[in-house]
Protein backbone atom coordinates (compact mmCIF):
# COMPACT_ATOMS: atom_id res chain seq x y z
CA MET A 1 5.41 8.36 9.06
CA LEU A 2 5.32 5.03 7.31
CA THR A 3 6.83 2.19 9.40
CA ILE A 4 8.16 -0.65 7.30
CA ARG A 5 8.36 -4.05 9.16
CA ASN A 6 10.21 -6.09 6.41
CA ARG A 7 12.63 -3.75 4.53
CA GLN A 8 13.78 -6.58 2.26
CA HIS A 9 9.95 -7.12 1.15
CA PHE A 10 9.49 -3.43 0.64
CA ASP A 11 12.57 -2.92 -1.32
CA ALA A 12 11.93 -5.96 -3.64
CA ILE A 13 8.33 -4.47 -4.31
CA VAL A 14 9.81 -1.03 -5.08
CA ASP A 15 12.36 -2.71 -7.41
CA PHE A 16 9.61 -4.70 -9.15
CA ALA A 17 7.48 -1.66 -9.65
CA LYS A 18 10.48 0.50 -11.05
CA THR A 19 11.48 -2.45 -13.31
CA HIS A 20 7.98 -2.47 -14.83
CA GLY A 21 7.45 1.26 -15.16
CA LEU A 22 4.74 1.11 -12.32
CA TYR A 23 6.51 3.17 -9.64
CA GLU A 24 6.07 6.94 -10.47
CA PRO A 25 2.91 8.59 -11.89
CA ASP A 26 2.95 8.90 -15.68
CA PRO A 27 1.24 12.09 -17.18
CA LYS A 28 0.83 9.96 -20.35
CA LYS A 29 -1.21 7.35 -18.38
CA PRO A 30 -3.38 9.16 -15.78
CA ASP A 31 -5.25 5.86 -14.70
CA LEU A 32 -1.95 4.12 -13.90
CA HIS A 33 -2.19 2.72 -10.32
CA CYS A 34 1.60 3.28 -9.49
CA LEU A 35 3.01 2.25 -6.33
CA ARG A 36 4.15 5.66 -5.43
CA ARG A 37 0.68 7.04 -5.52
CA ALA A 38 -0.55 4.20 -3.19
CA LEU A 39 2.21 4.78 -0.68
CA ASP A 40 1.57 8.60 -0.87
CA ARG A 41 -2.16 8.20 0.00
CA LEU A 42 -1.14 6.08 3.04
CA GLU A 43 1.36 8.52 4.05
CA SER A 44 -1.15 11.42 4.09
CA LEU A 45 -2.98 9.47 6.87
CA CYS A 46 0.00 10.00 9.22
CA ARG A 47 -0.31 12.84 11.74
CA LYS A 48 2.04 14.59 14.32
CA GLY A 49 0.97 16.44 17.55
CA PRO A 50 1.86 19.92 18.46
CA ASP A 51 5.31 18.53 20.12
CA GLY A 52 6.21 17.10 16.66
CA GLN A 53 5.66 13.38 17.86
CA PRO A 54 3.72 11.12 15.71
CA THR A 55 0.14 10.70 16.75
CA THR A 56 -0.90 8.45 13.82
CA ARG A 57 1.28 6.03 11.77
CA VAL A 58 0.90 3.52 8.92
CA VAL A 59 2.67 0.16 9.39
CA LEU A 60 3.55 -2.00 6.25
CA THR A 61 3.88 -5.69 6.54
CA PRO A 62 4.31 -8.37 3.99
CA ASP A 63 1.02 -9.73 2.42
CA ARG A 64 0.69 -13.06 0.78
CA ALA A 65 -0.54 -11.67 -2.55
CA PRO A 66 2.37 -11.17 -4.98
CA HIS A 67 4.02 -7.76 -4.80
CA SER A 68 1.58 -6.61 -2.09
CA PHE A 69 1.49 -5.31 1.35
CA ASP A 70 -0.70 -5.34 4.46
CA PHE A 71 -1.16 -1.97 6.30
CA SER A 72 -2.50 -0.76 9.58
CA VAL A 73 -3.14 2.87 10.55
CA GLU A 74 -2.35 3.02 14.09
CA ALA A 75 -3.10 5.83 16.71
CA ALA A 76 -0.95 6.66 19.73
CA VAL A 77 -2.93 5.59 22.79
CA ASP A 78 -1.52 5.58 26.39
CA GLY A 79 1.96 5.08 25.21
CA GLY A 80 1.45 2.49 22.82
CA TRP A 81 -0.26 2.08 19.29
CA GLU A 82 -3.69 0.80 18.56
CA ALA A 83 -4.96 -0.19 15.12
CA THR A 84 -7.81 2.07 13.72
CA LEU A 85 -7.82 0.71 10.11
CA VAL A 86 -6.41 -2.18 8.36
CA GLY A 87 -6.14 -3.22 4.85
CA GLY A 88 -3.91 -3.99 2.03
CA VAL A 89 -1.96 -2.39 -0.85
CA ILE A 90 -2.67 -5.12 -3.43
CA PHE A 91 -0.94 -5.44 -6.81
CA HIS A 92 -3.45 -6.43 -9.54
CA GLY A 93 -2.67 -7.62 -13.12
CA PRO A 94 -2.96 -10.44 -15.29
CA HIS A 95 -2.02 -12.96 -12.49
CA ASP A 96 -5.23 -12.20 -10.56
CA GLY A 97 -7.67 -11.34 -13.43
CA PHE A 98 -6.90 -7.73 -13.13
CA GLY A 99 -8.75 -7.60 -9.91
CA SER A 100 -11.47 -9.96 -10.59
CA GLY A 101 -11.54 -11.43 -7.21
CA SER A 102 -9.61 -14.68 -8.25
CA ALA A 103 -6.47 -16.06 -6.71
CA PRO A 104 -3.94 -15.21 -5.77
CA THR A 105 -5.00 -11.96 -4.33
CA PHE A 106 -8.79 -12.65 -3.81
CA CYS A 107 -9.41 -8.94 -4.08
CA VAL A 108 -11.94 -7.22 -6.21
CA SER A 109 -11.79 -4.14 -8.29
CA LEU A 110 -14.78 -2.64 -9.98
CA THR A 111 -12.75 -1.92 -13.08
CA PRO A 112 -9.80 -3.93 -14.59
CA VAL A 113 -6.53 -2.74 -12.94
CA VAL A 114 -2.80 -3.09 -13.52
CA GLY A 115 -0.98 -1.75 -10.48
CA TRP A 116 -1.66 -1.17 -6.76
CA THR A 117 -4.90 -0.40 -4.95
CA LEU A 118 -5.86 0.24 -1.52
CA HIS A 119 -8.36 -2.35 0.10
CA THR A 120 -9.85 -2.04 3.46
């Protein structure tokens, strides 16, 4: 399950993605880095035990980069949660040189990107 720590931030990013045609996959643009695809990849990391209770979850929190999230994959340990992987769901585009590593995201993509990529 995706655990969203700031619903207002999440909803604003979803609205931004939908407004700009970047939310759903587009068969005409197979290389599109849409938000839904990034969220689905994170959700695929979630697991449930035989009793139906979550054993692994993904927590989304706001990131400083525009239209982006921090995430942590957490495992259930001794009645609590322990982070096993952390990263970001980062939005790239003209504002950051399409993932060139420049401000404001300071994240690098190997090829120019418009949309969301997972960074760990």
